[in-house]
Amino acid sequence: MAKMNCWEIKKCGREQGGAKVVELGECAAAIEVKTHGIHGGKNAGRCCWVVTGTLCGGQKQGEFASKLGKCMVCDFFKSVMKEEGKDFLPAQEILKKLK
């Protein structure tokens, strides 16, 4: 079974070609190619918590350090952690790919 990306779970409509792209723009997680494949996701679709400028809960999120607290209580974040188990990459490792 294919692993689902954040926009598929959250149904935000901000993925490439999504229903809300014209209104809200493409999500940074949907277009961040440096993280493609992490946790089996498309672009940053399964590591959105490290990407600046995602839109969660109807509000644009800031940089990693300022948004991580909210992300850690997110159901999607928790489900990725559980699904990946011992293969879950720490944020520090993912952030290295963004530099």
C-alpha atoms as a PDB file:
ATOM      1  CA  MET A   1       0.000   0.000   0.000  1.00  0.00           C
ATOM      2  CA  ALA A   2       1.306   3.451  -0.927  1.00  0.00           C
ATOM      3  CA  LYS A   3       2.138   5.818   1.887  1.00  0.00           C
ATOM      4  CA  MET A   4      -0.015   8.924   1.991  1.00  0.00           C
ATOM      5  CA  ASN A   5       1.311  12.475   1.935  1.00  0.00           C
ATOM      6  CA  CYS A   6       0.156  15.215   4.287  1.00  0.00           C
ATOM      7  CA  TRP A   7      -2.070  16.887   1.684  1.00  0.00           C
ATOM      8  CA  GLU A   8      -3.859  13.587   1.042  1.00  0.00           C
ATOM      9  CA  ILE A   9      -4.592  13.147   4.740  1.00  0.00           C
ATOM     10  CA  LYS A  10      -5.288  16.789   5.596  1.00  0.00           C
ATOM     11  CA  LYS A  11      -7.166  17.457   2.329  1.00  0.00           C
ATOM     12  CA  CYS A  12      -5.844  21.024   2.212  1.00  0.00           C
ATOM     13  CA  GLY A  13      -6.007  21.296  -1.581  1.00  0.00           C
ATOM     14  CA  ARG A  14      -2.575  22.940  -1.785  1.00  0.00           C
ATOM     15  CA  GLU A  15      -0.766  20.102  -3.553  1.00  0.00           C
ATOM     16  CA  GLN A  16       0.313  20.617  -7.158  1.00  0.00           C
ATOM     17  CA  GLY A  17      -2.899  21.001  -9.138  1.00  0.00           C
ATOM     18  CA  GLY A  18      -4.974  21.030  -5.935  1.00  0.00           C
ATOM     19  CA  ALA A  19      -8.381  22.652  -5.549  1.00  0.00           C
ATOM     20  CA  LYS A  20      -7.115  25.560  -3.413  1.00  0.00           C
ATOM     21  CA  VAL A  21      -3.861  26.372  -5.196  1.00  0.00           C
ATOM     22  CA  VAL A  22      -5.303  29.438  -6.951  1.00  0.00           C
ATOM     23  CA  GLU A  23      -6.693  30.776  -3.669  1.00  0.00           C
ATOM     24  CA  LEU A  24      -3.894  29.831  -1.241  1.00  0.00           C
ATOM     25  CA  GLY A  25      -0.911  28.875  -3.415  1.00  0.00           C
ATOM     26  CA  GLU A  26       1.021  25.637  -3.589  1.00  0.00           C
ATOM     27  CA  CYS A  27       2.218  24.337  -0.250  1.00  0.00           C
ATOM     28  CA  ALA A  28       5.957  24.399   0.344  1.00  0.00           C
ATOM     29  CA  ALA A  29       5.790  20.718   1.374  1.00  0.00           C
ATOM     30  CA  ALA A  30       4.247  19.787  -1.968  1.00  0.00           C
ATOM     31  CA  ILE A  31       7.017  21.421  -3.998  1.00  0.00           C
ATOM     32  CA  GLU A  32      10.148  20.814  -1.854  1.00  0.00           C
ATOM     33  CA  VAL A  33      12.027  18.345  -4.060  1.00  0.00           C
ATOM     34  CA  LYS A  34      15.153  18.055  -1.866  1.00  0.00           C
ATOM     35  CA  THR A  35      13.197  15.826   0.517  1.00  0.00           C
ATOM     36  CA  HIS A  36      11.512  13.662  -2.118  1.00  0.00           C
ATOM     37  CA  GLY A  37      11.322  10.062  -0.997  1.00  0.00           C
ATOM     38  CA  ILE A  38      11.822  10.661   2.715  1.00  0.00           C
ATOM     39  CA  HIS A  39       9.538   8.270   4.594  1.00  0.00           C
ATOM     40  CA  GLY A  40       8.209   7.177   1.187  1.00  0.00           C
ATOM     41  CA  GLY A  41       6.603  10.533   0.414  1.00  0.00           C
ATOM     42  CA  LYS A  42       6.379  12.787  -2.607  1.00  0.00           C
ATOM     43  CA  ASN A  43       8.595  15.846  -2.125  1.00  0.00           C
ATOM     44  CA  ALA A  44       8.121  16.802   1.569  1.00  0.00           C
ATOM     45  CA  GLY A  45       4.724  15.160   1.840  1.00  0.00           C
ATOM     46  CA  ARG A  46       5.858  12.895   4.679  1.00  0.00           C
ATOM     47  CA  CYS A  47       8.215  15.321   6.428  1.00  0.00           C
ATOM     48  CA  CYS A  48       6.218  18.554   6.205  1.00  0.00           C
ATOM     49  CA  TRP A  49       7.199  19.523   9.753  1.00  0.00           C
ATOM     50  CA  VAL A  50      10.676  20.568   8.613  1.00  0.00           C
ATOM     51  CA  VAL A  51       9.487  22.816   5.772  1.00  0.00           C
ATOM     52  CA  THR A  52       8.923  26.540   6.252  1.00  0.00           C
ATOM     53  CA  GLY A  53       5.660  28.004   5.002  1.00  0.00           C
ATOM     54  CA  THR A  54       3.249  25.088   5.242  1.00  0.00           C
ATOM     55  CA  LEU A  55      -0.385  25.937   5.943  1.00  0.00           C
ATOM     56  CA  CYS A  56      -1.775  24.034   8.908  1.00  0.00           C
ATOM     57  CA  GLY A  57      -4.973  24.686  10.753  1.00  0.00           C
ATOM     58  CA  GLY A  58      -5.742  27.512   8.351  1.00  0.00           C
ATOM     59  CA  GLN A  59      -2.603  29.448   9.320  1.00  0.00           C
ATOM     60  CA  LYS A  60       0.726  29.795   7.577  1.00  0.00           C
ATOM     61  CA  GLN A  61       3.413  28.192   9.688  1.00  0.00           C
ATOM     62  CA  GLY A  62       6.856  29.692  10.156  1.00  0.00           C
ATOM     63  CA  GLU A  63      10.285  28.158  10.260  1.00  0.00           C
ATOM     64  CA  PHE A  64      11.051  24.736  11.702  1.00  0.00           C
ATOM     65  CA  ALA A  65      12.019  25.971  15.175  1.00  0.00           C
ATOM     66  CA  SER A  66       8.836  27.972  15.643  1.00  0.00           C
ATOM     67  CA  LYS A  67       6.405  25.367  14.325  1.00  0.00           C
ATOM     68  CA  LEU A  68       7.815  22.082  15.634  1.00  0.00           C
ATOM     69  CA  GLY A  69       5.789  22.168  18.857  1.00  0.00           C
ATOM     70  CA  LYS A  70       2.536  22.276  16.895  1.00  0.00           C
ATOM     71  CA  CYS A  71       3.746  19.619  14.484  1.00  0.00           C
ATOM     72  CA  MET A  72       4.654  17.176  17.244  1.00  0.00           C
ATOM     73  CA  VAL A  73       1.020  17.018  18.366  1.00  0.00           C
ATOM     74  CA  CYS A  74      -0.308  16.689  14.803  1.00  0.00           C
ATOM     75  CA  ASP A  75      -2.071  13.401  14.022  1.00  0.00           C
ATOM     76  CA  PHE A  76      -0.255  13.172  10.677  1.00  0.00           C
ATOM     77  CA  PHE A  77       3.177  13.592  12.301  1.00  0.00           C
ATOM     78  CA  LYS A  78       2.301  10.928  14.859  1.00  0.00           C
ATOM     79  CA  SER A  79       1.080   8.529  12.180  1.00  0.00           C
ATOM     80  CA  VAL A  80       4.295   8.919  10.148  1.00  0.00           C
ATOM     81  CA  MET A  81       6.364   8.290  13.285  1.00  0.00           C
ATOM     82  CA  LYS A  82       4.367   5.142  14.010  1.00  0.00           C
ATOM     83  CA  GLU A  83       4.426   3.872  10.410  1.00  0.00           C
ATOM     84  CA  GLU A  84       8.164   4.432  10.035  1.00  0.00           C
ATOM     85  CA  GLY A  85       9.114   3.048  13.446  1.00  0.00           C
ATOM     86  CA  LYS A  86      12.873   2.612  13.723  1.00  0.00           C
ATOM     87  CA  ASP A  87      13.289   4.069  10.207  1.00  0.00           C
ATOM     88  CA  PHE A  88      11.812   7.436  11.224  1.00  0.00           C
ATOM     89  CA  LEU A  89      14.389  10.097  10.352  1.00  0.00           C
ATOM     90  CA  PRO A  90      15.117  12.722  12.995  1.00  0.00           C
ATOM     91  CA  ALA A  91      14.368  16.288  11.918  1.00  0.00           C
ATOM     92  CA  GLN A  92      18.075  17.177  12.090  1.00  0.00           C
ATOM     93  CA  GLU A  93      18.828  14.601   9.377  1.00  0.00           C
ATOM     94  CA  ILE A  94      16.053  15.880   7.136  1.00  0.00           C
ATOM     95  CA  LEU A  95      17.097  19.504   7.637  1.00  0.00           C
ATOM     96  CA  LYS A  96      20.577  18.640   6.304  1.00  0.00           C
ATOM     97  CA  LYS A  97      18.957  17.786   2.966  1.00  0.00           C
ATOM     98  CA  LEU A  98      17.368  21.244   2.792  1.00  0.00           C
ATOM     99  CA  LYS A  99      20.697  23.085   2.986  1.00  0.00           C
END
